[in-house]
């Protein structure tokens, strides 16, 4: 079955390896470049890729955007809260306060995605966690099957709980609106080149099986 997929990377600016990987996959996958928020689009294969979600943070190597907001705490999920345990988790003045979030919500509405894949590294602020494939959605669903398959080809553990609260995260919001969300947490200690060598071809082939 062909899925309509949004795949994004570079949500946290210090996780540059994620952007490097997705940009490499875009080249291999022959996605063409657009001068817009959705940097690479291939409508024929129903994939929209956003390799540099947090453009400011990637340029400055900061977790947050220009307003120091953690964009993975800014989604309008029911568990969004202005409270945060560390400045790096600053969720913004209110849910969906940031332009990046607003643009993404509009994209979700227009594209009607059936699957979201978000690439991160396991860089941590206060709680350390291993590299893994994390799934938000209904167990035993088609999305869960896709997550199981990705965990197998990446040789990473599949989890359904990252191990600490993530209010306002993409995973929380996606689960509420019934879009399966797979979060890839890769090894932050690896360089961009090492991440590319280890995962680019694998991810490219995996995406081909979905589209």
Protein backbone atom coordinates (compact mmCIF):
# COMPACT_ATOMS: atom_id res chain seq x y z
CA UNK A 1 0.00 0.00 0.00
CA UNK A 2 1.34 3.44 -0.91
CA UNK A 3 1.57 5.80 2.05
CA UNK A 4 1.60 9.59 2.15
CA UNK A 5 4.70 10.29 4.20
CA UNK A 6 6.15 13.38 5.86
CA UNK A 7 9.74 12.84 6.93
CA UNK A 8 11.60 15.55 8.83
CA UNK A 9 14.97 16.15 10.41
CA UNK A 10 16.87 18.96 12.09
CA UNK A 11 14.14 19.75 14.62
CA UNK A 12 16.89 20.30 17.19
CA UNK A 13 19.75 22.34 15.80
CA UNK A 14 22.52 20.50 17.60
CA UNK A 15 21.46 17.27 15.88
CA UNK A 16 22.94 18.22 12.52
CA UNK A 17 23.57 14.55 11.65
CA UNK A 18 19.82 14.06 11.17
CA UNK A 19 19.67 16.77 8.50
CA UNK A 20 22.78 15.45 6.80
CA UNK A 21 21.22 11.99 6.59
CA UNK A 22 17.89 13.14 5.20
CA UNK A 23 19.53 15.43 2.64
CA UNK A 24 21.60 12.50 1.46
CA UNK A 25 18.51 10.31 1.18
CA UNK A 26 16.78 13.05 -0.81
CA UNK A 27 19.64 12.98 -3.34
CA UNK A 28 19.61 9.21 -3.64
CA UNK A 29 15.84 9.14 -3.81
CA UNK A 30 15.82 11.79 -6.56
CA UNK A 31 13.61 14.20 -4.65
CA UNK A 32 13.82 17.68 -6.12
CA UNK A 33 14.52 20.87 -4.21
CA UNK A 34 11.95 23.56 -3.56
CA UNK A 35 12.71 27.02 -2.20
CA UNK A 36 10.14 26.71 0.54
CA UNK A 37 9.49 25.30 3.98
CA UNK A 38 9.10 21.84 2.46
CA UNK A 39 12.63 21.72 1.12
CA UNK A 40 12.28 18.51 -0.87
CA UNK A 41 9.10 17.20 -2.41
CA UNK A 42 8.29 14.20 -4.56
CA UNK A 43 4.55 14.26 -5.15
CA UNK A 44 4.64 11.24 -7.47
CA UNK A 45 5.84 9.02 -4.65
CA UNK A 46 3.80 10.83 -2.00
CA UNK A 47 6.75 11.88 0.13
CA UNK A 48 7.42 15.31 1.58
CA UNK A 49 10.80 15.67 3.25
CA UNK A 50 11.92 18.56 5.46
CA UNK A 51 15.66 18.06 6.14
CA UNK A 52 16.18 21.40 7.95
CA UNK A 53 13.10 21.95 10.05
CA UNK A 54 14.87 24.29 12.49
CA UNK A 55 16.94 26.37 10.08
CA UNK A 56 18.05 28.90 12.72
CA UNK A 57 19.03 26.25 15.27
CA UNK A 58 21.03 24.29 12.72
CA UNK A 59 22.93 27.41 11.67
CA UNK A 60 23.68 28.34 15.30
CA UNK A 61 23.93 24.74 16.60
CA UNK A 62 21.32 25.43 19.25
CA UNK A 63 18.50 23.13 20.31
CA UNK A 64 15.86 25.82 19.98
CA UNK A 65 14.82 28.19 17.21
CA UNK A 66 15.44 31.95 17.07
CA UNK A 67 13.08 32.40 20.04
CA UNK A 68 14.90 29.67 22.00
CA UNK A 69 11.82 27.46 21.72
CA UNK A 70 12.21 23.68 21.63
CA UNK A 71 10.11 22.98 18.54
CA UNK A 72 9.48 19.44 19.76
CA UNK A 73 7.65 20.88 22.77
CA UNK A 74 5.59 23.43 20.81
CA UNK A 75 2.96 21.22 19.18
CA UNK A 76 -0.67 21.79 20.31
CA UNK A 77 -1.13 18.41 21.97
CA UNK A 78 -3.44 18.06 24.95
CA UNK A 79 -0.42 17.56 27.21
CA UNK A 80 1.27 20.84 26.13
CA UNK A 81 2.33 22.86 29.16
CA UNK A 82 4.18 26.12 29.74
CA UNK A 83 6.00 24.35 32.58
CA UNK A 84 9.41 22.94 31.69
CA UNK A 85 12.13 21.27 33.73
CA UNK A 86 15.06 22.86 31.88
CA UNK A 87 15.52 26.01 29.74
CA UNK A 88 16.41 23.82 26.77
CA UNK A 89 12.85 22.44 26.88
CA UNK A 90 11.25 25.89 26.69
CA UNK A 91 7.89 25.20 24.94
CA UNK A 92 7.11 28.75 23.89
CA UNK A 93 4.59 31.26 25.19
CA UNK A 94 1.75 29.03 24.05
CA UNK A 95 1.19 25.91 21.95
CA UNK A 96 1.95 26.42 18.25
CA UNK A 97 3.44 29.85 18.97
CA UNK A 98 6.29 29.37 16.48
CA UNK A 99 6.18 29.90 12.73
CA UNK A 100 7.85 26.55 12.08
CA UNK A 101 5.06 24.83 14.01
CA UNK A 102 2.33 26.80 12.25
CA UNK A 103 3.78 25.94 8.85
CA UNK A 104 3.99 22.28 9.78
CA UNK A 105 0.39 22.18 11.00
CA UNK A 106 -0.72 23.72 7.71
CA UNK A 107 1.27 21.12 5.82
CA UNK A 108 -0.37 18.32 7.82
CA UNK A 109 -3.78 19.73 6.96
CA UNK A 110 -3.09 20.11 3.25
CA UNK A 111 -1.10 16.94 2.61
CA UNK A 112 -3.22 14.53 4.66
CA UNK A 113 -0.25 12.40 5.66
CA UNK A 114 -0.78 8.80 6.67
CA UNK A 115 2.68 8.43 8.30
CA UNK A 116 5.21 10.76 9.91
CA UNK A 117 8.89 9.88 10.32
CA UNK A 118 11.02 12.19 12.45
CA UNK A 119 14.81 11.78 12.52
CA UNK A 120 16.77 12.79 15.63
CA UNK A 121 19.94 11.77 17.40
CA UNK A 122 19.90 10.64 21.02
CA UNK A 123 21.51 13.89 22.16
CA UNK A 124 20.06 14.52 25.63
CA UNK A 125 19.46 17.44 27.96
CA UNK A 126 18.78 15.84 31.34
CA UNK A 127 17.86 12.20 30.69
CA UNK A 128 20.17 9.93 28.73
CA UNK A 129 18.58 7.36 26.42
CA UNK A 130 19.94 4.88 23.89
CA UNK A 131 19.59 5.02 20.12
CA UNK A 132 16.22 3.52 19.25
CA UNK A 133 13.12 3.54 17.07
CA UNK A 134 10.25 5.08 19.05
CA UNK A 135 6.66 4.66 17.95
CA UNK A 136 3.61 6.76 18.80
CA UNK A 137 0.35 5.24 17.65
CA UNK A 138 -1.83 2.19 18.03
CA UNK A 139 -0.09 -1.09 18.69
CA UNK A 140 -0.68 -3.79 16.04
CA UNK A 141 -1.64 -1.07 13.52
CA UNK A 142 -0.08 -0.68 10.08
CA UNK A 143 2.07 2.11 11.48
CA UNK A 144 3.33 -0.18 14.23
CA UNK A 145 4.25 -2.75 11.58
CA UNK A 146 6.24 -0.08 9.73
CA UNK A 147 8.04 0.82 12.96
CA UNK A 148 8.87 -2.84 13.62
CA UNK A 149 10.26 -3.16 10.12
CA UNK A 150 12.37 0.00 10.48
CA UNK A 151 13.75 -1.17 13.84
CA UNK A 152 14.76 -4.44 12.24
CA UNK A 153 16.56 -2.94 9.24
CA UNK A 154 18.25 -0.29 11.43
CA UNK A 155 19.10 -2.93 14.06
CA UNK A 156 17.75 -0.70 16.83
CA UNK A 157 15.36 -1.41 19.69
CA UNK A 158 11.71 -0.55 19.11
CA UNK A 159 10.17 1.38 22.03
CA UNK A 160 6.81 2.97 22.71
CA UNK A 161 7.96 5.11 25.62
CA UNK A 162 11.04 7.31 25.42
CA UNK A 163 11.34 7.14 29.21
CA UNK A 164 10.44 10.68 30.26
CA UNK A 165 7.57 13.15 29.68
CA UNK A 166 7.50 14.93 26.31
CA UNK A 167 4.60 17.42 26.49
CA UNK A 168 3.94 19.19 23.23
CA UNK A 169 6.05 16.76 21.22
CA UNK A 170 5.33 15.70 17.66
CA UNK A 171 4.76 12.15 18.81
CA UNK A 172 2.17 13.25 21.37
CA UNK A 173 0.32 15.40 18.85
CA UNK A 174 0.44 12.85 16.03
CA UNK A 175 -1.02 10.17 18.26
CA UNK A 176 -3.94 12.46 19.15
CA UNK A 177 -4.76 13.13 15.50
CA UNK A 178 -4.37 9.46 14.59
CA UNK A 179 -1.30 9.73 12.36
CA UNK A 180 1.30 7.07 13.19
CA UNK A 181 4.62 8.70 14.07
CA UNK A 182 7.98 6.94 14.00
CA UNK A 183 10.84 8.77 15.71
CA UNK A 184 14.33 7.63 14.77
CA UNK A 185 16.88 8.29 17.53
CA UNK A 186 20.38 7.70 16.11
CA UNK A 187 23.75 7.66 17.83
CA UNK A 188 24.73 11.24 18.57
CA UNK A 189 28.38 10.29 19.08
CA UNK A 190 28.66 9.38 15.39
CA UNK A 191 29.66 12.04 12.88
CA UNK A 192 27.40 13.10 10.05
CA UNK A 193 29.52 11.07 7.64
CA UNK A 194 29.35 8.01 9.85
CA UNK A 195 25.56 8.35 10.16
CA UNK A 196 25.30 8.66 6.38
CA UNK A 197 27.45 5.59 5.78
CA UNK A 198 25.54 3.51 8.31
CA UNK A 199 21.95 4.50 7.53
CA UNK A 200 21.49 6.37 4.22
CA UNK A 201 21.15 3.38 1.92
CA UNK A 202 19.08 1.48 4.47
CA UNK A 203 16.64 4.37 4.92
CA UNK A 204 16.38 4.93 1.17
CA UNK A 205 15.44 1.30 0.55
CA UNK A 206 13.01 1.32 3.46
CA UNK A 207 11.16 4.36 2.09
CA UNK A 208 10.83 2.68 -1.29
CA UNK A 209 8.91 -0.16 0.35
CA UNK A 210 6.34 2.33 1.71
CA UNK A 211 5.76 4.34 -1.45
